[in-house]
């Protein structure tokens, strides 16, 4: 199964076992993360519901990309500036693609009103006596 995920303003096609380099994400090497912004999912030519697909990944390393040279020049004015920049990135290993999204369930609302209703009835019963 594959998925198209969006992270860091870019889109990546991932499958289980892939290694990708993305814009810097919070976390240390070895941490497990979930890429939640899944745009498309499918397998063998069929498209699955992307809202129900989770992509789990492991951070391999925090690294820097290749150096980009920024050179500015204005002709005939003896103006030259040279700067370098290395963008920080995170290397990810995709562990699994697919599965139902697991949401933390809130406590049941039926149990809370019963507990609140019981104390309110007790003073009413005491007042009636």
N, C-alpha and C. Protein backbone atom coordinates (compact mmCIF):
# COMPACT_ATOMS: atom_id res chain seq x y z
N UNK A 1 0.85 -1.18 0.00
CA UNK A 1 0.00 0.00 0.00
C UNK A 1 0.89 1.24 0.00
N UNK A 2 0.47 2.27 -0.69
CA UNK A 2 1.22 3.52 -0.72
C UNK A 2 0.32 4.66 -0.26
N UNK A 3 0.95 5.79 0.05
CA UNK A 3 0.20 6.97 0.46
C UNK A 3 0.95 8.21 0.00
N UNK A 4 0.21 9.27 -0.24
CA UNK A 4 0.80 10.58 -0.52
C UNK A 4 0.59 11.40 0.75
N UNK A 5 1.69 11.83 1.37
CA UNK A 5 1.61 12.61 2.60
C UNK A 5 2.19 13.99 2.37
N UNK A 6 1.70 14.96 3.14
CA UNK A 6 2.20 16.33 3.06
C UNK A 6 2.85 16.68 4.39
N UNK A 7 4.11 17.10 4.32
CA UNK A 7 4.81 17.58 5.50
C UNK A 7 5.86 18.60 5.07
N UNK A 8 5.97 19.65 5.82
CA UNK A 8 6.94 20.69 5.48
C UNK A 8 6.64 21.42 4.19
N UNK A 9 5.37 21.45 3.78
CA UNK A 9 4.99 22.14 2.57
C UNK A 9 5.28 21.37 1.29
N UNK A 10 5.70 20.12 1.42
CA UNK A 10 5.99 19.29 0.26
C UNK A 10 5.18 18.01 0.36
N UNK A 11 5.05 17.32 -0.78
CA UNK A 11 4.29 16.08 -0.82
C UNK A 11 5.23 14.93 -1.17
N UNK A 12 5.03 13.79 -0.50
CA UNK A 12 5.88 12.63 -0.70
C UNK A 12 5.02 11.39 -0.92
N UNK A 13 5.44 10.54 -1.85
CA UNK A 13 4.79 9.25 -2.05
C UNK A 13 5.58 8.25 -1.23
N UNK A 14 4.93 7.59 -0.28
CA UNK A 14 5.62 6.69 0.63
C UNK A 14 4.95 5.32 0.64
N UNK A 15 5.73 4.32 0.96
CA UNK A 15 5.26 2.96 1.18
C UNK A 15 6.07 2.40 2.34
N UNK A 16 5.64 1.30 2.90
CA UNK A 16 6.34 0.70 4.03
C UNK A 16 7.77 0.35 3.64
N UNK A 17 8.72 0.72 4.48
CA UNK A 17 10.13 0.44 4.22
C UNK A 17 10.88 1.55 3.52
N UNK A 18 10.20 2.57 3.02
CA UNK A 18 10.87 3.68 2.33
C UNK A 18 11.63 4.55 3.32
N UNK A 19 12.67 5.21 2.81
CA UNK A 19 13.40 6.21 3.59
C UNK A 19 13.26 7.53 2.86
N UNK A 20 12.86 8.59 3.58
CA UNK A 20 12.69 9.90 2.97
C UNK A 20 13.36 10.96 3.83
N UNK A 21 13.74 12.05 3.20
CA UNK A 21 14.30 13.21 3.89
C UNK A 21 13.28 14.33 3.80
N UNK A 22 12.81 14.82 4.94
CA UNK A 22 11.79 15.86 4.99
C UNK A 22 12.33 17.06 5.75
N UNK A 23 11.58 18.16 5.72
CA UNK A 23 11.95 19.34 6.51
C UNK A 23 11.99 18.95 7.97
N UNK A 24 12.75 19.68 8.76
CA UNK A 24 13.00 19.32 10.16
C UNK A 24 11.70 19.13 10.95
N UNK A 25 11.62 17.98 11.64
CA UNK A 25 10.53 17.66 12.54
C UNK A 25 11.08 17.53 13.94
N UNK A 26 10.26 17.83 14.93
CA UNK A 26 10.69 17.71 16.32
C UNK A 26 10.84 16.24 16.69
N UNK A 27 11.88 15.93 17.45
CA UNK A 27 12.08 14.56 17.92
C UNK A 27 13.53 14.15 17.80
N UNK A 28 13.87 13.09 18.52
CA UNK A 28 15.22 12.55 18.51
C UNK A 28 15.27 11.30 17.63
N UNK A 29 16.48 10.85 17.34
CA UNK A 29 16.65 9.63 16.56
C UNK A 29 16.06 8.46 17.34
N UNK A 30 15.29 7.64 16.66
CA UNK A 30 14.65 6.50 17.29
C UNK A 30 13.21 6.74 17.69
N UNK A 31 12.76 8.00 17.72
CA UNK A 31 11.38 8.31 18.07
C UNK A 31 10.43 7.86 16.97
N UNK A 32 9.24 7.45 17.36
CA UNK A 32 8.21 7.06 16.42
C UNK A 32 7.23 8.23 16.27
N UNK A 33 6.88 8.56 15.03
CA UNK A 33 5.95 9.65 14.78
C UNK A 33 4.87 9.17 13.82
N UNK A 34 3.80 9.94 13.74
CA UNK A 34 2.71 9.65 12.82
C UNK A 34 2.54 10.84 11.88
N UNK A 35 2.56 10.57 10.59
CA UNK A 35 2.32 11.61 9.59
C UNK A 35 0.82 11.63 9.35
N UNK A 36 0.17 12.68 9.81
CA UNK A 36 -1.28 12.70 9.81
C UNK A 36 -1.92 13.28 8.56
N UNK A 37 -1.21 14.10 7.81
CA UNK A 37 -1.81 14.76 6.66
C UNK A 37 -1.68 13.88 5.42
N UNK A 38 -2.53 12.86 5.34
CA UNK A 38 -2.51 11.93 4.21
C UNK A 38 -3.47 12.46 3.14
N UNK A 39 -2.96 12.68 1.93
CA UNK A 39 -3.77 13.25 0.85
C UNK A 39 -4.43 12.17 0.01
N UNK A 40 -3.72 11.05 -0.19
CA UNK A 40 -4.21 9.99 -1.06
C UNK A 40 -3.61 8.68 -0.59
N UNK A 41 -4.35 7.61 -0.73
CA UNK A 41 -3.83 6.29 -0.37
C UNK A 41 -4.38 5.27 -1.36
N UNK A 42 -3.64 4.22 -1.58
CA UNK A 42 -4.11 3.19 -2.49
C UNK A 42 -3.15 2.04 -2.56
N UNK A 43 -3.57 1.01 -3.30
CA UNK A 43 -2.70 -0.14 -3.55
C UNK A 43 -3.17 -0.84 -4.82
N UNK A 44 -2.22 -1.22 -5.63
CA UNK A 44 -2.50 -1.97 -6.86
C UNK A 44 -3.55 -1.30 -7.74
N UNK A 45 -3.46 -0.01 -7.90
CA UNK A 45 -4.36 0.70 -8.81
C UNK A 45 -5.70 1.09 -8.21
N UNK A 46 -5.96 0.72 -6.97
CA UNK A 46 -7.23 1.12 -6.34
C UNK A 46 -6.95 2.20 -5.30
N UNK A 47 -7.89 3.10 -5.15
CA UNK A 47 -7.75 4.22 -4.22
C UNK A 47 -8.52 3.91 -2.94
N UNK A 48 -7.88 4.17 -1.80
CA UNK A 48 -8.52 3.95 -0.51
C UNK A 48 -8.92 5.29 0.09
N UNK A 49 -9.75 5.25 1.14
CA UNK A 49 -10.17 6.47 1.82
C UNK A 49 -9.00 7.01 2.63
N UNK A 50 -8.47 8.17 2.24
CA UNK A 50 -7.27 8.72 2.87
C UNK A 50 -7.53 9.20 4.29
N UNK A 51 -8.78 9.50 4.64
CA UNK A 51 -9.08 9.99 5.99
C UNK A 51 -8.86 8.91 7.03
N UNK A 52 -8.93 7.65 6.64
CA UNK A 52 -8.80 6.55 7.60
C UNK A 52 -7.42 5.93 7.59
N UNK A 53 -6.48 6.47 6.83
CA UNK A 53 -5.16 5.88 6.70
C UNK A 53 -4.17 6.63 7.58
N UNK A 54 -3.37 5.86 8.30
CA UNK A 54 -2.29 6.41 9.12
C UNK A 54 -0.95 6.01 8.52
N UNK A 55 0.01 6.90 8.59
CA UNK A 55 1.36 6.60 8.15
C UNK A 55 2.27 6.76 9.36
N UNK A 56 2.87 5.67 9.80
CA UNK A 56 3.77 5.73 10.96
C UNK A 56 5.20 5.65 10.46
N UNK A 57 6.08 6.41 11.12
CA UNK A 57 7.47 6.49 10.70
C UNK A 57 8.37 6.56 11.92
N UNK A 58 9.64 6.26 11.70
CA UNK A 58 10.65 6.34 12.74
C UNK A 58 11.70 7.34 12.29
N UNK A 59 12.14 8.19 13.21
CA UNK A 59 13.18 9.16 12.90
C UNK A 59 14.52 8.44 12.91
N UNK A 60 15.22 8.47 11.78
CA UNK A 60 16.54 7.85 11.69
C UNK A 60 17.59 8.82 12.23
N UNK A 61 17.54 10.08 11.78
CA UNK A 61 18.55 11.06 12.19
C UNK A 61 18.05 12.46 11.89
N UNK A 62 18.61 13.41 12.61
CA UNK A 62 18.46 14.83 12.30
C UNK A 62 19.75 15.25 11.61
N UNK A 63 19.65 15.81 10.42
CA UNK A 63 20.84 16.11 9.63
C UNK A 63 20.69 17.46 8.94
N UNK A 64 21.72 17.81 8.18
CA UNK A 64 21.69 19.01 7.34
C UNK A 64 21.84 18.58 5.90
N UNK A 65 21.15 19.29 5.00
CA UNK A 65 21.23 18.96 3.58
C UNK A 65 22.51 19.55 2.98
N UNK A 66 22.64 19.39 1.67
CA UNK A 66 23.82 19.91 0.98
C UNK A 66 23.87 21.43 1.06
N UNK A 67 25.06 21.97 1.00
CA UNK A 67 25.24 23.41 1.09
C UNK A 67 24.80 24.10 -0.20
N UNK A 68 24.06 25.19 -0.02
CA UNK A 68 23.63 26.01 -1.14
C UNK A 68 24.41 27.32 -1.06
N UNK A 69 25.07 27.67 -2.16
CA UNK A 69 25.87 28.90 -2.20
C UNK A 69 24.99 30.03 -2.70
N UNK A 70 24.96 31.13 -1.95
CA UNK A 70 24.22 32.33 -2.33
C UNK A 70 25.26 33.38 -2.72
N UNK A 71 25.33 33.70 -4.01
CA UNK A 71 26.32 34.66 -4.51
C UNK A 71 25.61 35.85 -5.12
N UNK A 72 25.90 37.02 -4.60
CA UNK A 72 25.29 38.25 -5.12
C UNK A 72 26.39 39.10 -5.75
N UNK A 73 26.08 39.69 -6.90
CA UNK A 73 27.06 40.53 -7.59
C UNK A 73 26.36 41.64 -8.33
N UNK A 74 26.91 42.83 -8.26
CA UNK A 74 26.45 43.96 -9.07
C UNK A 74 27.60 44.39 -9.96
N UNK A 75 27.35 44.35 -11.24
CA UNK A 75 28.41 44.66 -12.19
C UNK A 75 28.93 46.09 -12.02
N UNK A 76 30.21 46.22 -12.22
CA UNK A 76 30.90 47.51 -12.27
C UNK A 76 30.80 48.32 -10.97
N UNK A 77 30.43 47.69 -9.86
CA UNK A 77 30.35 48.42 -8.59
C UNK A 77 31.22 47.78 -7.51
N UNK A 78 32.03 46.79 -7.88
CA UNK A 78 32.88 46.07 -6.93
C UNK A 78 32.06 45.54 -5.75
N UNK A 79 30.91 44.99 -6.07
CA UNK A 79 30.01 44.45 -5.05
C UNK A 79 29.86 42.95 -5.25
N UNK A 80 30.41 42.17 -4.33
CA UNK A 80 30.30 40.71 -4.36
C UNK A 80 30.08 40.22 -2.94
N UNK A 81 29.05 39.38 -2.76
CA UNK A 81 28.76 38.79 -1.46
C UNK A 81 28.55 37.30 -1.65
N UNK A 82 29.17 36.52 -0.79
CA UNK A 82 29.05 35.07 -0.89
C UNK A 82 28.62 34.53 0.47
N UNK A 83 27.50 33.84 0.49
CA UNK A 83 26.99 33.21 1.71
C UNK A 83 26.67 31.76 1.41
N UNK A 84 26.67 30.95 2.45
CA UNK A 84 26.29 29.55 2.31
C UNK A 84 25.14 29.24 3.26
N UNK A 85 24.36 28.23 2.91
CA UNK A 85 23.22 27.85 3.75
C UNK A 85 23.03 26.35 3.67
N UNK A 86 22.84 25.73 4.85
CA UNK A 86 22.52 24.30 4.90
C UNK A 86 21.20 24.13 5.65
N UNK A 87 20.20 23.66 4.94
CA UNK A 87 18.87 23.47 5.51
C UNK A 87 18.86 22.25 6.41
N UNK A 88 18.20 22.38 7.58
CA UNK A 88 18.08 21.23 8.48
C UNK A 88 16.97 20.32 7.98
N UNK A 89 17.19 19.00 8.11
CA UNK A 89 16.20 18.04 7.64
C UNK A 89 16.16 16.85 8.60
N UNK A 90 15.12 16.08 8.46
CA UNK A 90 14.93 14.88 9.26
C UNK A 90 14.84 13.68 8.32
N UNK A 91 15.59 12.64 8.63
CA UNK A 91 15.54 11.41 7.83
C UNK A 91 14.55 10.47 8.50
N UNK A 92 13.57 9.99 7.71
CA UNK A 92 12.52 9.12 8.23
C UNK A 92 12.54 7.77 7.55
N UNK A 93 12.20 6.72 8.30
CA UNK A 93 11.95 5.40 7.76
C UNK A 93 10.47 5.11 7.96
N UNK A 94 9.77 4.84 6.88
CA UNK A 94 8.33 4.58 6.96
C UNK A 94 8.14 3.15 7.48
N UNK A 95 7.44 3.02 8.60
CA UNK A 95 7.22 1.72 9.21
C UNK A 95 5.98 1.03 8.65
N UNK A 96 4.88 1.78 8.57
CA UNK A 96 3.64 1.17 8.11
C UNK A 96 2.76 2.22 7.45
N UNK A 97 2.01 1.78 6.45
CA UNK A 97 1.02 2.62 5.79
C UNK A 97 -0.29 1.88 5.85
N UNK A 98 -1.31 2.56 6.39
CA UNK A 98 -2.62 1.93 6.46
C UNK A 98 -3.09 1.81 7.89
N UNK A 99 -4.21 1.16 8.09
CA UNK A 99 -4.77 0.99 9.42
C UNK A 99 -5.79 2.06 9.71
N UNK A 100 -6.65 1.78 10.64
CA UNK A 100 -7.68 2.74 11.04
C UNK A 100 -7.07 3.77 11.97
N UNK A 101 -7.58 4.97 11.88
CA UNK A 101 -7.11 6.04 12.75
C UNK A 101 -7.66 5.81 14.14
N UNK A 102 -6.79 5.82 15.14
CA UNK A 102 -7.21 5.56 16.51
C UNK A 102 -7.38 6.90 17.22
N UNK A 103 -8.58 7.16 17.69
CA UNK A 103 -8.86 8.41 18.38
C UNK A 103 -9.08 8.11 19.85
N UNK A 104 -8.60 8.98 20.72
CA UNK A 104 -8.81 8.81 22.15
C UNK A 104 -10.28 9.07 22.44
N UNK A 105 -10.93 8.07 23.02
CA UNK A 105 -12.36 8.21 23.29
C UNK A 105 -12.58 8.96 24.59
N UNK A 106 -13.55 9.84 24.60
CA UNK A 106 -13.89 10.60 25.80
C UNK A 106 -14.68 9.69 26.73
N UNK A 107 -14.70 10.00 28.02
CA UNK A 107 -15.51 9.19 28.93
C UNK A 107 -16.98 9.26 28.54
N UNK A 108 -17.69 8.19 28.78
CA UNK A 108 -19.09 8.13 28.36
C UNK A 108 -19.91 9.17 29.10
N UNK A 109 -20.78 9.84 28.36
CA UNK A 109 -21.59 10.90 28.94
C UNK A 109 -22.73 10.34 29.78
N UNK A 110 -23.13 9.09 29.54
CA UNK A 110 -24.22 8.49 30.30
C UNK A 110 -23.83 8.30 31.76
N UNK A 111 -22.57 7.99 32.03
CA UNK A 111 -22.13 7.72 33.40
C UNK A 111 -22.07 9.02 34.21
N UNK A 112 -21.69 10.12 33.61
CA UNK A 112 -21.53 11.38 34.34
C UNK A 112 -22.87 11.93 34.85
N UNK A 113 -23.94 11.99 34.07
CA UNK A 113 -25.19 12.54 34.60
C UNK A 113 -25.78 11.70 35.72
N UNK A 114 -25.60 10.38 35.69
CA UNK A 114 -26.13 9.53 36.75
C UNK A 114 -25.44 9.85 38.07
N UNK A 115 -24.14 10.05 38.02
CA UNK A 115 -23.41 10.37 39.24
C UNK A 115 -23.83 11.74 39.75
N UNK A 116 -24.08 12.68 38.87
CA UNK A 116 -24.50 14.01 39.27
C UNK A 116 -25.96 14.01 39.73
N UNK A 117 -26.78 13.14 39.14
CA UNK A 117 -28.21 13.10 39.47
C UNK A 117 -28.42 12.47 40.85
N UNK A 118 -27.62 11.50 41.23
CA UNK A 118 -27.80 10.81 42.50
C UNK A 118 -27.65 11.76 43.70
N UNK A 119 -26.62 12.61 43.78
CA UNK A 119 -26.51 13.50 44.93
C UNK A 119 -27.63 14.54 44.97
N UNK A 120 -28.13 14.97 43.82
CA UNK A 120 -29.18 15.99 43.83
C UNK A 120 -30.50 15.41 44.32
N UNK A 121 -30.73 14.12 44.12
CA UNK A 121 -31.96 13.49 44.60
C UNK A 121 -31.92 13.29 46.11
N UNK A 122 -30.74 13.03 46.65
CA UNK A 122 -30.63 12.76 48.09
C UNK A 122 -31.05 13.97 48.91
N UNK A 123 -30.64 15.22 48.62
CA UNK A 123 -31.11 16.35 49.42
C UNK A 123 -32.60 16.59 49.25
N UNK A 124 -33.13 16.29 48.06
CA UNK A 124 -34.57 16.46 47.84
C UNK A 124 -35.34 15.49 48.71
N UNK A 125 -34.86 14.26 48.85
CA UNK A 125 -35.52 13.26 49.67
C UNK A 125 -35.42 13.64 51.15
N UNK A 126 -34.29 14.21 51.56
CA UNK A 126 -34.11 14.61 52.96
C UNK A 126 -35.01 15.81 53.28
N UNK A 127 -35.22 16.70 52.33
CA UNK A 127 -36.05 17.87 52.55
C UNK A 127 -37.52 17.48 52.64
N UNK A 128 -37.91 16.41 51.97
CA UNK A 128 -39.31 15.97 51.98
C UNK A 128 -39.68 15.38 53.34
N UNK A 129 -38.72 14.88 54.08
CA UNK A 129 -39.03 14.26 55.38
C UNK A 129 -39.25 15.29 56.39
